[in-house]
Amino acid sequence: MPPAEQLYAETLSLKGAVAALQGTLTAAQEEIAQLKVQIAWLKKRFYGPGLGETLDRAQMLLQIEGVEKLAARLATPT
């Protein structure tokens, strides 16, 4: 078994390496979060409704129906 001083030095070295890796991991997690926001924006931009698009009658009726159901649920006493 190595002497205690050597084990202590190795422990300090490993703790430093772990701290450095945690810092790198945090930076990577922040970058991933930023990239997810950018991807969501791009999806909305490219696959969402266009600037000049309007809802047709059937789509409007579906939205109105959903709002009416929600209003009915809110109007009923609990």
PDB file of N, CA and C in Angstrom:
ATOM      1  N   MET A   1       0.848  -1.174   0.000  1.00  0.00           N
ATOM      2  CA  MET A   1       0.000   0.000   0.000  1.00  0.00           C
ATOM      3  C   MET A   1       0.898   1.242   0.000  1.00  0.00           C
ATOM      4  N   PRO A   2       0.537   2.231  -0.832  1.00  0.00           N
ATOM      5  CA  PRO A   2       1.356   3.448  -0.888  1.00  0.00           C
ATOM      6  C   PRO A   2       1.253   4.245   0.416  1.00  0.00           C
ATOM      7  N   PRO A   3       2.203   5.106   0.638  1.00  0.00           N
ATOM      8  CA  PRO A   3       2.160   5.904   1.868  1.00  0.00           C
ATOM      9  C   PRO A   3       0.975   6.878   1.855  1.00  0.00           C
ATOM     10  N   ALA A   4       0.595   7.351   3.037  1.00  0.00           N
ATOM     11  CA  ALA A   4      -0.578   8.211   3.198  1.00  0.00           C
ATOM     12  C   ALA A   4      -0.425   9.518   2.424  1.00  0.00           C
ATOM     13  N   GLU A   5       0.795  10.063   2.367  1.00  0.00           N
ATOM     14  CA  GLU A   5       1.011  11.324   1.664  1.00  0.00           C
ATOM     15  C   GLU A   5       0.699  11.180   0.172  1.00  0.00           C
ATOM     16  N   GLN A   6       1.103  10.044  -0.393  1.00  0.00           N
ATOM     17  CA  GLN A   6       0.848   9.805  -1.818  1.00  0.00           C
ATOM     18  C   GLN A   6      -0.654   9.642  -2.068  1.00  0.00           C
ATOM     19  N   LEU A   7      -1.331   8.926  -1.203  1.00  0.00           N
ATOM     20  CA  LEU A   7      -2.779   8.753  -1.338  1.00  0.00           C
ATOM     21  C   LEU A   7      -3.496  10.099  -1.219  1.00  0.00           C
ATOM     22  N   TYR A   8      -3.034  10.950  -0.294  1.00  0.00           N
ATOM     23  CA  TYR A   8      -3.634  12.258  -0.114  1.00  0.00           C
ATOM     24  C   TYR A   8      -3.440  13.118  -1.362  1.00  0.00           C
ATOM     25  N   ALA A   9      -2.248  13.082  -1.937  1.00  0.00           N
ATOM     26  CA  ALA A   9      -1.960  13.847  -3.145  1.00  0.00           C
ATOM     27  C   ALA A   9      -2.816  13.357  -4.319  1.00  0.00           C
ATOM     28  N   GLU A  10      -2.971  12.057  -4.448  1.00  0.00           N
ATOM     29  CA  GLU A  10      -3.797  11.490  -5.510  1.00  0.00           C
ATOM     30  C   GLU A  10      -5.264  11.894  -5.321  1.00  0.00           C
ATOM     31  N   THR A  11      -5.715  11.895  -4.088  1.00  0.00           N
ATOM     32  CA  THR A  11      -7.096  12.281  -3.794  1.00  0.00           C
ATOM     33  C   THR A  11      -7.333  13.732  -4.185  1.00  0.00           C
ATOM     34  N   LEU A  12      -6.398  14.615  -3.824  1.00  0.00           N
ATOM     35  CA  LEU A  12      -6.538  16.019  -4.203  1.00  0.00           C
ATOM     36  C   LEU A  12      -6.535  16.187  -5.720  1.00  0.00           C
ATOM     37  N   SER A  13      -5.664  15.431  -6.393  1.00  0.00           N
ATOM     38  CA  SER A  13      -5.599  15.510  -7.848  1.00  0.00           C
ATOM     39  C   SER A  13      -6.919  15.059  -8.477  1.00  0.00           C
ATOM     40  N   LEU A  14      -7.471  13.971  -7.978  1.00  0.00           N
ATOM     41  CA  LEU A  14      -8.737  13.455  -8.504  1.00  0.00           C
ATOM     42  C   LEU A  14      -9.890  14.415  -8.212  1.00  0.00           C
ATOM     43  N   LYS A  15      -9.895  15.028  -7.039  1.00  0.00           N
ATOM     44  CA  LYS A  15     -10.943  16.003  -6.717  1.00  0.00           C
ATOM     45  C   LYS A  15     -10.873  17.192  -7.670  1.00  0.00           C
ATOM     46  N   GLY A  16      -9.672  17.616  -8.006  1.00  0.00           N
ATOM     47  CA  GLY A  16      -9.513  18.716  -8.956  1.00  0.00           C
ATOM     48  C   GLY A  16     -10.025  18.336 -10.331  1.00  0.00           C
ATOM     49  N   ALA A  17      -9.742  17.096 -10.750  1.00  0.00           N
ATOM     50  CA  ALA A  17     -10.208  16.627 -12.052  1.00  0.00           C
ATOM     51  C   ALA A  17     -11.734  16.555 -12.083  1.00  0.00           C
ATOM     52  N   VAL A  18     -12.334  16.086 -11.005  1.00  0.00           N
ATOM     53  CA  VAL A  18     -13.791  15.993 -10.933  1.00  0.00           C
ATOM     54  C   VAL A  18     -14.404  17.389 -10.982  1.00  0.00           C
ATOM     55  N   ALA A  19     -13.832  18.344 -10.283  1.00  0.00           N
ATOM     56  CA  ALA A  19     -14.355  19.719 -10.296  1.00  0.00           C
ATOM     57  C   ALA A  19     -14.270  20.306 -11.703  1.00  0.00           C
ATOM     58  N   ALA A  20     -13.157  20.048 -12.398  1.00  0.00           N
ATOM     59  CA  ALA A  20     -13.010  20.553 -13.764  1.00  0.00           C
ATOM     60  C   ALA A  20     -14.049  19.930 -14.691  1.00  0.00           C
ATOM     61  N   LEU A  21     -14.295  18.637 -14.529  1.00  0.00           N
ATOM     62  CA  LEU A  21     -15.301  17.962 -15.358  1.00  0.00           C
ATOM     63  C   LEU A  21     -16.697  18.481 -15.070  1.00  0.00           C
ATOM     64  N   GLN A  22     -16.989  18.787 -13.817  1.00  0.00           N
ATOM     65  CA  GLN A  22     -18.306  19.325 -13.475  1.00  0.00           C
ATOM     66  C   GLN A  22     -18.505  20.688 -14.102  1.00  0.00           C
ATOM     67  N   GLY A  23     -17.467  21.501 -14.135  1.00  0.00           N
ATOM     68  CA  GLY A  23     -17.564  22.807 -14.786  1.00  0.00           C
ATOM     69  C   GLY A  23     -17.823  22.655 -16.266  1.00  0.00           C
ATOM     70  N   THR A  24     -17.149  21.699 -16.901  1.00  0.00           N
ATOM     71  CA  THR A  24     -17.341  21.432 -18.321  1.00  0.00           C
ATOM     72  C   THR A  24     -18.747  20.930 -18.579  1.00  0.00           C
ATOM     73  N   LEU A  25     -19.234  20.078 -17.672  1.00  0.00           N
ATOM     74  CA  LEU A  25     -20.580  19.526 -17.821  1.00  0.00           C
ATOM     75  C   LEU A  25     -21.623  20.629 -17.722  1.00  0.00           C
ATOM     76  N   THR A  26     -21.444  21.557 -16.795  1.00  0.00           N
ATOM     77  CA  THR A  26     -22.395  22.658 -16.637  1.00  0.00           C
ATOM     78  C   THR A  26     -22.427  23.520 -17.893  1.00  0.00           C
ATOM     79  N   ALA A  27     -21.260  23.809 -18.449  1.00  0.00           N
ATOM     80  CA  ALA A  27     -21.205  24.602 -19.677  1.00  0.00           C
ATOM     81  C   ALA A  27     -21.892  23.869 -20.818  1.00  0.00           C
ATOM     82  N   ALA A  28     -21.688  22.557 -20.896  1.00  0.00           N
ATOM     83  CA  ALA A  28     -22.328  21.765 -21.948  1.00  0.00           C
ATOM     84  C   ALA A  28     -23.842  21.757 -21.771  1.00  0.00           C
ATOM     85  N   GLN A  29     -24.303  21.672 -20.524  1.00  0.00           N
ATOM     86  CA  GLN A  29     -25.741  21.673 -20.272  1.00  0.00           C
ATOM     87  C   GLN A  29     -26.359  23.014 -20.665  1.00  0.00           C
ATOM     88  N   GLU A  30     -25.665  24.110 -20.407  1.00  0.00           N
ATOM     89  CA  GLU A  30     -26.167  25.419 -20.805  1.00  0.00           C
ATOM     90  C   GLU A  30     -26.240  25.532 -22.324  1.00  0.00           C
ATOM     91  N   GLU A  31     -25.216  25.007 -22.987  1.00  0.00           N
ATOM     92  CA  GLU A  31     -25.206  25.051 -24.452  1.00  0.00           C
ATOM     93  C   GLU A  31     -26.341  24.210 -25.021  1.00  0.00           C
ATOM     94  N   ILE A  32     -26.575  23.055 -24.430  1.00  0.00           N
ATOM     95  CA  ILE A  32     -27.672  22.191 -24.878  1.00  0.00           C
ATOM     96  C   ILE A  32     -29.006  22.909 -24.710  1.00  0.00           C
ATOM     97  N   ALA A  33     -29.201  23.597 -23.580  1.00  0.00           N
ATOM     98  CA  ALA A  33     -30.451  24.329 -23.351  1.00  0.00           C
ATOM     99  C   ALA A  33     -30.633  25.422 -24.407  1.00  0.00           C
ATOM    100  N   GLN A  34     -29.555  26.143 -24.725  1.00  0.00           N
ATOM    101  CA  GLN A  34     -29.643  27.186 -25.752  1.00  0.00           C
ATOM    102  C   GLN A  34     -29.977  26.586 -27.116  1.00  0.00           C
ATOM    103  N   LEU A  35     -29.368  25.463 -27.434  1.00  0.00           N
ATOM    104  CA  LEU A  35     -29.629  24.822 -28.720  1.00  0.00           C
ATOM    105  C   LEU A  35     -31.065  24.324 -28.809  1.00  0.00           C
ATOM    106  N   LYS A  36     -31.613  23.830 -27.704  1.00  0.00           N
ATOM    107  CA  LYS A  36     -33.008  23.387 -27.699  1.00  0.00           C
ATOM    108  C   LYS A  36     -33.958  24.550 -27.962  1.00  0.00           C
ATOM    109  N   VAL A  37     -33.649  25.707 -27.394  1.00  0.00           N
ATOM    110  CA  VAL A  37     -34.475  26.893 -27.636  1.00  0.00           C
ATOM    111  C   VAL A  37     -34.403  27.282 -29.111  1.00  0.00           C
ATOM    112  N   GLN A  38     -33.203  27.235 -29.674  1.00  0.00           N
ATOM    113  CA  GLN A  38     -33.045  27.579 -31.088  1.00  0.00           C
ATOM    114  C   GLN A  38     -33.784  26.599 -31.989  1.00  0.00           C
ATOM    115  N   ILE A  39     -33.726  25.314 -31.664  1.00  0.00           N
ATOM    116  CA  ILE A  39     -34.424  24.298 -32.465  1.00  0.00           C
ATOM    117  C   ILE A  39     -35.930  24.522 -32.393  1.00  0.00           C
ATOM    118  N   ALA A  40     -36.441  24.816 -31.191  1.00  0.00           N
ATOM    119  CA  ALA A  40     -37.880  25.062 -31.047  1.00  0.00           C
ATOM    120  C   ALA A  40     -38.297  26.262 -31.890  1.00  0.00           C
ATOM    121  N   TRP A  41     -37.479  27.320 -31.896  1.00  0.00           N
ATOM    122  CA  TRP A  41     -37.795  28.498 -32.697  1.00  0.00           C
ATOM    123  C   TRP A  41     -37.802  28.156 -34.178  1.00  0.00           C
ATOM    124  N   LEU A  42     -36.799  27.387 -34.619  1.00  0.00           N
ATOM    125  CA  LEU A  42     -36.728  27.006 -36.033  1.00  0.00           C
ATOM    126  C   LEU A  42     -37.907  26.135 -36.439  1.00  0.00           C
ATOM    127  N   LYS A  43     -38.295  25.198 -35.580  1.00  0.00           N
ATOM    128  CA  LYS A  43     -39.451  24.352 -35.883  1.00  0.00           C
ATOM    129  C   LYS A  43     -40.707  25.198 -36.029  1.00  0.00           C
ATOM    130  N   LYS A  44     -40.873  26.135 -35.108  1.00  0.00           N
ATOM    131  CA  LYS A  44     -42.052  27.002 -35.174  1.00  0.00           C
ATOM    132  C   LYS A  44     -42.017  27.845 -36.440  1.00  0.00           C
ATOM    133  N   ARG A  45     -40.839  28.326 -36.783  1.00  0.00           N
ATOM    134  CA  ARG A  45     -40.675  29.204 -37.943  1.00  0.00           C
ATOM    135  C   ARG A  45     -40.928  28.448 -39.254  1.00  0.00           C
ATOM    136  N   PHE A  46     -40.364  27.236 -39.377  1.00  0.00           N
ATOM    137  CA  PHE A  46     -40.453  26.514 -40.645  1.00  0.00           C
ATOM    138  C   PHE A  46     -41.678  25.624 -40.757  1.00  0.00           C
ATOM    139  N   TYR A  47     -42.169  25.085 -39.651  1.00  0.00           N
ATOM    140  CA  TYR A  47     -43.289  24.155 -39.724  1.00  0.00           C
ATOM    141  C   TYR A  47     -44.574  24.728 -39.164  1.00  0.00           C
ATOM    142  N   GLY A  48     -44.512  25.909 -38.588  1.00  0.00           N
ATOM    143  CA  GLY A  48     -45.704  26.546 -38.044  1.00  0.00           C
ATOM    144  C   GLY A  48     -46.475  27.243 -39.141  1.00  0.00           C
ATOM    145  N   PRO A  49     -47.526  27.937 -38.758  1.00  0.00           N
ATOM    146  CA  PRO A  49     -48.310  28.641 -39.772  1.00  0.00           C
ATOM    147  C   PRO A  49     -47.491  29.771 -40.398  1.00  0.00           C
ATOM    148  N   GLY A  50     -47.737  30.005 -41.662  1.00  0.00           N
ATOM    149  CA  GLY A  50     -47.038  31.073 -42.365  1.00  0.00           C
ATOM    150  C   GLY A  50     -47.553  32.435 -41.950  1.00  0.00           C
ATOM    151  N   LEU A  51     -46.860  33.453 -42.346  1.00  0.00           N
ATOM    152  CA  LEU A  51     -47.251  34.804 -41.963  1.00  0.00           C
ATOM    153  C   LEU A  51     -48.582  35.213 -42.584  1.00  0.00           C
ATOM    154  N   GLY A  52     -48.835  34.778 -43.827  1.00  0.00           N
ATOM    155  CA  GLY A  52     -50.054  35.188 -44.504  1.00  0.00           C
ATOM    156  C   GLY A  52     -51.182  34.188 -44.403  1.00  0.00           C
ATOM    157  N   GLU A  53     -50.942  33.071 -43.714  1.00  0.00           N
ATOM    158  CA  GLU A  53     -51.979  32.039 -43.624  1.00  0.00           C
ATOM    159  C   GLU A  53     -53.066  32.452 -42.646  1.00  0.00           C
ATOM    160  N   THR A  54     -54.273  32.074 -42.987  1.00  0.00           N
ATOM    161  CA  THR A  54     -55.399  32.289 -42.082  1.00  0.00           C
ATOM    162  C   THR A  54     -56.092  30.953 -41.863  1.00  0.00           C
ATOM    163  N   LEU A  55     -56.861  30.871 -40.799  1.00  0.00           N
ATOM    164  CA  LEU A  55     -57.587  29.642 -40.517  1.00  0.00           C
ATOM    165  C   LEU A  55     -58.823  29.571 -41.400  1.00  0.00           C
ATOM    166  N   ASP A  56     -59.102  28.384 -41.913  1.00  0.00           N
ATOM    167  CA  ASP A  56     -60.324  28.247 -42.692  1.00  0.00           C
ATOM    168  C   ASP A  56     -61.503  28.011 -41.741  1.00  0.00           C
ATOM    169  N   ARG A  57     -62.688  27.912 -42.290  1.00  0.00           N
ATOM    170  CA  ARG A  57     -63.908  27.825 -41.483  1.00  0.00           C
ATOM    171  C   ARG A  57     -63.885  26.607 -40.560  1.00  0.00           C
ATOM    172  N   ALA A  58     -63.459  25.450 -41.052  1.00  0.00           N
ATOM    173  CA  ALA A  58     -63.457  24.235 -40.236  1.00  0.00           C
ATOM    174  C   ALA A  58     -62.494  24.377 -39.042  1.00  0.00           C
ATOM    175  N   GLN A  59     -61.345  24.965 -39.276  1.00  0.00           N
ATOM    176  CA  GLN A  59     -60.397  25.152 -38.188  1.00  0.00           C
ATOM    177  C   GLN A  59     -60.945  26.113 -37.136  1.00  0.00           C
ATOM    178  N   MET A  60     -61.612  27.158 -37.592  1.00  0.00           N
ATOM    179  CA  MET A  60     -62.199  28.112 -36.655  1.00  0.00           C
ATOM    180  C   MET A  60     -63.297  27.454 -35.824  1.00  0.00           C
ATOM    181  N   LEU A  61     -64.123  26.612 -36.470  1.00  0.00           N
ATOM    182  CA  LEU A  61     -65.185  25.927 -35.741  1.00  0.00           C
ATOM    183  C   LEU A  61     -64.606  24.989 -34.686  1.00  0.00           C
ATOM    184  N   LEU A  62     -63.494  24.320 -34.998  1.00  0.00           N
ATOM    185  CA  LEU A  62     -62.859  23.444 -34.018  1.00  0.00           C
ATOM    186  C   LEU A  62     -62.360  24.251 -32.824  1.00  0.00           C
ATOM    187  N   GLN A  63     -61.769  25.396 -33.074  1.00  0.00           N
ATOM    188  CA  GLN A  63     -61.283  26.226 -31.973  1.00  0.00           C
ATOM    189  C   GLN A  63     -62.437  26.767 -31.141  1.00  0.00           C
ATOM    190  N   ILE A  64     -63.508  27.164 -31.797  1.00  0.00           N
ATOM    191  CA  ILE A  64     -64.674  27.681 -31.074  1.00  0.00           C
ATOM    192  C   ILE A  64     -65.278  26.572 -30.222  1.00  0.00           C
ATOM    193  N   GLU A  65     -65.327  25.369 -30.769  1.00  0.00           N
ATOM    194  CA  GLU A  65     -65.871  24.235 -30.032  1.00  0.00           C
ATOM    195  C   GLU A  65     -65.045  23.969 -28.776  1.00  0.00           C
ATOM    196  N   GLY A  66     -63.732  24.040 -28.903  1.00  0.00           N
ATOM    197  CA  GLY A  66     -62.863  23.838 -27.745  1.00  0.00           C
ATOM    198  C   GLY A  66     -63.068  24.899 -26.683  1.00  0.00           C
ATOM    199  N   VAL A  67     -63.235  26.133 -27.102  1.00  0.00           N
ATOM    200  CA  VAL A  67     -63.464  27.227 -26.162  1.00  0.00           C
ATOM    201  C   VAL A  67     -64.819  27.056 -25.486  1.00  0.00           C
ATOM    202  N   GLU A  68     -65.825  26.631 -26.234  1.00  0.00           N
ATOM    203  CA  GLU A  68     -67.151  26.425 -25.646  1.00  0.00           C
ATOM    204  C   GLU A  68     -67.112  25.321 -24.589  1.00  0.00           C
ATOM    205  N   LYS A  69     -66.395  24.234 -24.869  1.00  0.00           N
ATOM    206  CA  LYS A  69     -66.284  23.143 -23.885  1.00  0.00           C
ATOM    207  C   LYS A  69     -65.593  23.639 -22.626  1.00  0.00           C
ATOM    208  N   LEU A  70     -64.545  24.415 -22.793  1.00  0.00           N
ATOM    209  CA  LEU A  70     -63.829  24.959 -21.637  1.00  0.00           C
ATOM    210  C   LEU A  70     -64.732  25.885 -20.837  1.00  0.00           C
ATOM    211  N   ALA A  71     -65.496  26.732 -21.515  1.00  0.00           N
ATOM    212  CA  ALA A  71     -66.398  27.655 -20.849  1.00  0.00           C
ATOM    213  C   ALA A  71     -67.476  26.888 -20.085  1.00  0.00           C
ATOM    214  N   ALA A  72     -67.974  25.800 -20.673  1.00  0.00           N
ATOM    215  CA  ALA A  72     -69.006  25.005 -20.011  1.00  0.00           C
ATOM    216  C   ALA A  72     -68.453  24.359 -18.745  1.00  0.00           C
ATOM    217  N   ARG A  73     -67.210  23.885 -18.812  1.00  0.00           N
ATOM    218  CA  ARG A  73     -66.614  23.284 -17.618  1.00  0.00           C
ATOM    219  C   ARG A  73     -66.401  24.323 -16.534  1.00  0.00           C
ATOM    220  N   LEU A  74     -66.027  25.520 -16.906  1.00  0.00           N
ATOM    221  CA  LEU A  74     -65.801  26.568 -15.913  1.00  0.00           C
ATOM    222  C   LEU A  74     -67.117  27.083 -15.339  1.00  0.00           C
ATOM    223  N   ALA A  75     -68.192  27.034 -16.122  1.00  0.00           N
ATOM    224  CA  ALA A  75     -69.480  27.560 -15.674  1.00  0.00           C
ATOM    225  C   ALA A  75     -70.188  26.612 -14.707  1.00  0.00           C
ATOM    226  N   THR A  76     -69.900  25.306 -14.788  1.00  0.00           N
ATOM    227  CA  THR A  76     -70.578  24.363 -13.898  1.00  0.00           C
ATOM    228  C   THR A  76     -70.029  24.509 -12.483  1.00  0.00           C
ATOM    229  N   PRO A  77     -70.925  24.583 -11.498  1.00  0.00           N
ATOM    230  CA  PRO A  77     -70.466  24.704 -10.104  1.00  0.00           C
ATOM    231  C   PRO A  77     -69.827  23.408  -9.629  1.00  0.00           C
ATOM    232  N   THR A  78     -68.821  23.565  -8.796  1.00  0.00           N
ATOM    233  CA  THR A  78     -68.133  22.372  -8.276  1.00  0.00           C
ATOM    234  C   THR A  78     -68.524  22.111  -6.857  1.00  0.00           C
TER     235      THR A  78
END
